[in-house]
Amino acid sequence: MSLCFRCEHRARFLDAKANKDKHCPRPRHECGDIETSKCACYMFTPCFPVVTEPNPSDPRPRLSSPMLSSREYAVRVMEREELTGTIIYQNENQIALGWRVNED
């Protein structure tokens, strides 16, 4: 199981690289080493949620299958200040981390 491909640091590195940004953020060297992945990492951060909006010319329901068939457009990625990291699943020794939106 790989954490790197589910981490915000790797996502931001790949996004910057795809946009030919000269400064690709990588808090650890491994964050930018896309040929490998780690199963444990002290820098792991779950990917931030993406805010979308509907395609106005598509009358189909927004959340029906398949969702990613041009029904939604990405507007922005939520920022850390809008979110609180929390445990979203727990079973004996296993946990899953996720985000809760801060209610201001």
N, C-alpha and C. Protein backbone atom coordinates (compact mmCIF):
# COMPACT_ATOMS: atom_id res chain seq x y z
N MET A 1 0.86 -1.18 0.00
CA MET A 1 0.00 0.00 0.00
C MET A 1 0.90 1.24 0.00
N SER A 2 0.55 2.19 -0.79
CA SER A 2 1.36 3.38 -0.98
C SER A 2 0.68 4.62 -0.40
N LEU A 3 1.39 5.37 0.40
CA LEU A 3 0.86 6.64 0.89
C LEU A 3 1.11 7.77 -0.10
N CYS A 4 2.24 7.73 -0.80
CA CYS A 4 2.64 8.85 -1.66
C CYS A 4 1.58 9.21 -2.70
N PHE A 5 0.95 8.23 -3.28
CA PHE A 5 -0.02 8.51 -4.34
C PHE A 5 -1.37 8.95 -3.80
N ARG A 6 -1.47 9.08 -2.47
CA ARG A 6 -2.68 9.56 -1.83
C ARG A 6 -2.38 10.76 -0.94
N CYS A 7 -1.26 11.43 -1.21
CA CYS A 7 -0.78 12.51 -0.36
C CYS A 7 -0.83 13.86 -1.08
N GLU A 8 -1.22 14.89 -0.35
CA GLU A 8 -1.32 16.24 -0.91
C GLU A 8 0.04 16.75 -1.39
N HIS A 9 1.12 16.40 -0.71
CA HIS A 9 2.45 16.86 -1.13
C HIS A 9 2.81 16.32 -2.51
N ARG A 10 2.52 15.05 -2.77
CA ARG A 10 2.80 14.46 -4.09
C ARG A 10 1.88 15.10 -5.13
N ALA A 11 0.62 15.32 -4.78
CA ALA A 11 -0.32 15.93 -5.73
C ALA A 11 0.13 17.32 -6.13
N ARG A 12 0.57 18.12 -5.17
CA ARG A 12 1.03 19.48 -5.49
C ARG A 12 2.33 19.46 -6.30
N PHE A 13 3.21 18.51 -6.01
CA PHE A 13 4.43 18.38 -6.80
C PHE A 13 4.08 18.05 -8.25
N LEU A 14 3.22 17.06 -8.45
CA LEU A 14 2.85 16.66 -9.81
C LEU A 14 2.11 17.76 -10.56
N ASP A 15 1.26 18.51 -9.84
CA ASP A 15 0.54 19.61 -10.47
C ASP A 15 1.52 20.70 -10.92
N ALA A 16 2.46 21.05 -10.07
CA ALA A 16 3.46 22.06 -10.44
C ALA A 16 4.31 21.59 -11.61
N LYS A 17 4.69 20.33 -11.59
CA LYS A 17 5.50 19.78 -12.68
C LYS A 17 4.72 19.79 -14.00
N ALA A 18 3.43 19.43 -13.95
CA ALA A 18 2.61 19.43 -15.16
C ALA A 18 2.44 20.84 -15.72
N ASN A 19 2.44 21.83 -14.85
CA ASN A 19 2.31 23.23 -15.27
C ASN A 19 3.65 23.88 -15.56
N LYS A 20 4.71 23.06 -15.58
CA LYS A 20 6.07 23.53 -15.87
C LYS A 20 6.52 24.64 -14.93
N ASP A 21 6.08 24.54 -13.67
CA ASP A 21 6.49 25.48 -12.63
C ASP A 21 7.94 25.18 -12.26
N LYS A 22 8.78 26.20 -12.20
CA LYS A 22 10.19 25.98 -11.88
C LYS A 22 10.37 25.58 -10.42
N HIS A 23 9.45 25.98 -9.56
CA HIS A 23 9.52 25.59 -8.14
C HIS A 23 8.45 24.54 -7.87
N CYS A 24 8.84 23.30 -7.86
CA CYS A 24 7.93 22.20 -7.54
C CYS A 24 8.06 21.89 -6.06
N PRO A 25 7.01 22.15 -5.26
CA PRO A 25 7.12 21.95 -3.82
C PRO A 25 7.33 20.48 -3.47
N ARG A 26 8.24 20.23 -2.56
CA ARG A 26 8.49 18.87 -2.08
C ARG A 26 9.15 18.94 -0.73
N PRO A 27 8.38 18.80 0.34
CA PRO A 27 8.96 18.89 1.68
C PRO A 27 9.97 17.79 1.98
N ARG A 28 9.85 16.64 1.33
CA ARG A 28 10.84 15.58 1.42
C ARG A 28 11.29 15.26 0.01
N HIS A 29 12.50 14.78 -0.14
CA HIS A 29 13.00 14.39 -1.47
C HIS A 29 12.06 13.37 -2.11
N GLU A 30 11.53 12.44 -1.31
CA GLU A 30 10.67 11.38 -1.83
C GLU A 30 9.37 11.92 -2.44
N CYS A 31 8.93 13.09 -2.02
CA CYS A 31 7.69 13.66 -2.55
C CYS A 31 7.79 13.91 -4.06
N GLY A 32 8.99 14.13 -4.55
CA GLY A 32 9.19 14.38 -5.96
C GLY A 32 9.78 13.21 -6.71
N ASP A 33 10.03 12.11 -6.02
CA ASP A 33 10.56 10.90 -6.67
C ASP A 33 9.38 10.05 -7.11
N ILE A 34 8.89 10.31 -8.33
CA ILE A 34 7.65 9.67 -8.76
C ILE A 34 7.83 8.24 -9.24
N GLU A 35 9.04 7.73 -9.20
CA GLU A 35 9.29 6.34 -9.56
C GLU A 35 9.14 5.40 -8.37
N THR A 36 9.08 5.97 -7.15
CA THR A 36 8.95 5.16 -5.95
C THR A 36 7.83 5.69 -5.08
N SER A 37 7.51 4.95 -4.03
CA SER A 37 6.47 5.35 -3.11
C SER A 37 6.78 4.77 -1.74
N LYS A 38 6.26 5.38 -0.71
CA LYS A 38 6.51 4.95 0.66
C LYS A 38 5.22 4.42 1.29
N CYS A 39 5.38 3.45 2.20
CA CYS A 39 4.21 2.93 2.92
C CYS A 39 4.09 3.59 4.29
N ALA A 40 5.10 4.36 4.71
CA ALA A 40 5.06 5.11 5.96
C ALA A 40 5.78 6.42 5.74
N CYS A 41 5.24 7.51 6.30
CA CYS A 41 5.84 8.82 6.08
C CYS A 41 5.38 9.79 7.17
N TYR A 42 6.32 10.53 7.74
CA TYR A 42 5.96 11.52 8.76
C TYR A 42 5.38 12.79 8.15
N MET A 43 5.43 12.96 6.84
CA MET A 43 4.89 14.15 6.19
C MET A 43 3.54 13.89 5.51
N PHE A 44 3.00 12.68 5.63
CA PHE A 44 1.76 12.34 4.93
C PHE A 44 0.63 13.30 5.29
N THR A 45 -0.03 13.81 4.26
CA THR A 45 -1.21 14.66 4.41
C THR A 45 -2.24 14.17 3.39
N PRO A 46 -3.45 13.79 3.84
CA PRO A 46 -4.46 13.37 2.86
C PRO A 46 -4.71 14.47 1.84
N CYS A 47 -5.05 14.09 0.63
CA CYS A 47 -5.34 15.08 -0.41
C CYS A 47 -6.51 15.96 -0.01
N PHE A 48 -6.38 17.25 -0.30
CA PHE A 48 -7.45 18.19 0.01
C PHE A 48 -8.60 18.00 -0.97
N PRO A 49 -9.84 18.25 -0.52
CA PRO A 49 -10.99 18.11 -1.41
C PRO A 49 -10.96 19.13 -2.55
N VAL A 50 -11.51 18.74 -3.68
CA VAL A 50 -11.64 19.61 -4.84
C VAL A 50 -13.07 20.12 -4.90
N VAL A 51 -13.23 21.43 -5.01
CA VAL A 51 -14.55 22.04 -5.15
C VAL A 51 -14.91 22.04 -6.63
N THR A 52 -16.10 21.56 -6.95
CA THR A 52 -16.54 21.51 -8.35
C THR A 52 -17.84 22.27 -8.51
N GLU A 53 -18.17 22.54 -9.76
CA GLU A 53 -19.48 23.13 -10.08
C GLU A 53 -20.02 22.38 -11.30
N PRO A 54 -21.35 22.37 -11.44
CA PRO A 54 -21.94 21.59 -12.53
C PRO A 54 -21.76 22.25 -13.89
N ASN A 55 -21.78 21.43 -14.91
CA ASN A 55 -21.79 21.91 -16.28
C ASN A 55 -23.23 22.39 -16.55
N PRO A 56 -23.44 23.68 -16.79
CA PRO A 56 -24.80 24.20 -16.93
C PRO A 56 -25.56 23.64 -18.13
N SER A 57 -24.86 23.12 -19.12
CA SER A 57 -25.56 22.61 -20.31
C SER A 57 -25.88 21.12 -20.20
N ASP A 58 -25.55 20.49 -19.06
CA ASP A 58 -25.79 19.06 -18.88
C ASP A 58 -26.91 18.85 -17.86
N PRO A 59 -28.08 18.40 -18.29
CA PRO A 59 -29.22 18.27 -17.37
C PRO A 59 -29.17 17.02 -16.49
N ARG A 60 -28.22 16.12 -16.71
CA ARG A 60 -28.16 14.89 -15.92
C ARG A 60 -27.86 15.20 -14.45
N PRO A 61 -28.24 14.31 -13.55
CA PRO A 61 -27.95 14.51 -12.12
C PRO A 61 -26.44 14.62 -11.88
N ARG A 62 -26.06 15.44 -10.92
CA ARG A 62 -24.64 15.70 -10.66
C ARG A 62 -23.90 14.48 -10.14
N LEU A 63 -24.47 13.73 -9.27
CA LEU A 63 -23.74 12.67 -8.58
C LEU A 63 -24.15 11.27 -9.01
N SER A 64 -24.52 11.10 -10.24
CA SER A 64 -24.83 9.76 -10.71
C SER A 64 -23.66 9.22 -11.51
N SER A 65 -23.64 7.95 -11.72
CA SER A 65 -22.50 7.31 -12.39
C SER A 65 -22.60 7.46 -13.90
N PRO A 66 -21.53 7.64 -14.61
CA PRO A 66 -20.22 8.03 -14.11
C PRO A 66 -20.15 9.53 -13.88
N MET A 67 -19.69 9.92 -12.73
CA MET A 67 -19.67 11.34 -12.34
C MET A 67 -18.74 12.17 -13.21
N LEU A 68 -17.61 11.60 -13.60
CA LEU A 68 -16.61 12.37 -14.31
C LEU A 68 -16.80 12.32 -15.82
N SER A 69 -18.01 12.50 -16.28
CA SER A 69 -18.26 12.51 -17.72
C SER A 69 -18.69 13.91 -18.15
N SER A 70 -17.85 14.87 -17.83
CA SER A 70 -18.07 16.28 -18.18
C SER A 70 -19.28 16.88 -17.49
N ARG A 71 -19.68 16.32 -16.36
CA ARG A 71 -20.79 16.92 -15.60
C ARG A 71 -20.30 17.95 -14.61
N GLU A 72 -19.05 17.86 -14.20
CA GLU A 72 -18.50 18.74 -13.17
C GLU A 72 -17.20 19.38 -13.67
N TYR A 73 -16.98 20.60 -13.25
CA TYR A 73 -15.73 21.30 -13.54
C TYR A 73 -15.05 21.63 -12.22
N ALA A 74 -13.75 21.45 -12.16
CA ALA A 74 -12.98 21.81 -10.96
C ALA A 74 -12.93 23.33 -10.86
N VAL A 75 -13.23 23.84 -9.68
CA VAL A 75 -13.18 25.27 -9.43
C VAL A 75 -11.91 25.62 -8.66
N ARG A 76 -11.63 24.84 -7.61
CA ARG A 76 -10.44 25.10 -6.80
C ARG A 76 -10.21 23.93 -5.86
N VAL A 77 -9.04 23.91 -5.27
CA VAL A 77 -8.72 22.94 -4.21
C VAL A 77 -8.89 23.67 -2.89
N MET A 78 -9.57 23.05 -1.94
CA MET A 78 -9.74 23.69 -0.64
C MET A 78 -8.39 23.83 0.04
N GLU A 79 -8.25 24.85 0.87
CA GLU A 79 -6.99 25.14 1.55
C GLU A 79 -7.03 24.62 2.99
N ARG A 80 -5.85 24.42 3.54
CA ARG A 80 -5.73 23.89 4.90
C ARG A 80 -6.51 24.72 5.92
N GLU A 81 -6.56 26.04 5.75
CA GLU A 81 -7.25 26.90 6.70
C GLU A 81 -8.75 26.63 6.75
N GLU A 82 -9.30 26.05 5.70
CA GLU A 82 -10.72 25.75 5.64
C GLU A 82 -11.06 24.39 6.25
N LEU A 83 -10.03 23.60 6.58
CA LEU A 83 -10.23 22.20 6.94
C LEU A 83 -9.59 21.86 8.27
N THR A 84 -10.11 20.81 8.88
CA THR A 84 -9.51 20.23 10.08
C THR A 84 -9.28 18.76 9.81
N GLY A 85 -8.04 18.30 10.01
CA GLY A 85 -7.75 16.89 9.86
C GLY A 85 -8.38 16.10 11.00
N THR A 86 -8.95 14.95 10.69
CA THR A 86 -9.62 14.17 11.71
C THR A 86 -9.62 12.69 11.33
N ILE A 87 -9.90 11.86 12.29
CA ILE A 87 -10.06 10.43 12.03
C ILE A 87 -11.48 10.22 11.52
N ILE A 88 -11.60 9.66 10.31
CA ILE A 88 -12.93 9.44 9.73
C ILE A 88 -13.36 7.98 9.81
N TYR A 89 -12.43 7.10 10.23
CA TYR A 89 -12.73 5.68 10.38
C TYR A 89 -11.78 5.11 11.41
N GLN A 90 -12.30 4.24 12.30
CA GLN A 90 -11.45 3.58 13.27
C GLN A 90 -12.01 2.20 13.54
N ASN A 91 -11.12 1.18 13.48
CA ASN A 91 -11.50 -0.20 13.74
C ASN A 91 -10.29 -0.89 14.36
N GLU A 92 -10.36 -1.18 15.64
CA GLU A 92 -9.24 -1.75 16.40
C GLU A 92 -8.01 -0.89 16.21
N ASN A 93 -6.93 -1.39 15.59
CA ASN A 93 -5.70 -0.63 15.42
C ASN A 93 -5.66 0.19 14.15
N GLN A 94 -6.66 0.08 13.29
CA GLN A 94 -6.65 0.77 12.01
C GLN A 94 -7.42 2.09 12.11
N ILE A 95 -6.87 3.11 11.43
CA ILE A 95 -7.58 4.39 11.32
C ILE A 95 -7.46 4.90 9.90
N ALA A 96 -8.38 5.77 9.51
CA ALA A 96 -8.30 6.49 8.24
C ALA A 96 -8.40 7.97 8.56
N LEU A 97 -7.52 8.76 7.96
CA LEU A 97 -7.53 10.20 8.15
C LEU A 97 -8.26 10.88 7.02
N GLY A 98 -8.93 11.96 7.33
CA GLY A 98 -9.65 12.71 6.32
C GLY A 98 -9.83 14.14 6.79
N TRP A 99 -10.68 14.86 6.10
CA TRP A 99 -10.88 16.28 6.38
C TRP A 99 -12.32 16.56 6.76
N ARG A 100 -12.48 17.52 7.67
CA ARG A 100 -13.78 18.06 8.03
C ARG A 100 -13.71 19.55 7.73
N VAL A 101 -14.75 20.09 7.11
CA VAL A 101 -14.78 21.51 6.77
C VAL A 101 -15.04 22.31 8.05
N ASN A 102 -14.23 23.34 8.28
CA ASN A 102 -14.42 24.22 9.43
C ASN A 102 -15.69 25.03 9.24
N GLU A 103 -16.50 25.05 10.25
CA GLU A 103 -17.73 25.86 10.22
C GLU A 103 -17.44 27.21 10.83
N ASP A 104 -17.38 28.25 10.01
CA ASP A 104 -17.10 29.59 10.52
C ASP A 104 -18.34 30.41 10.62
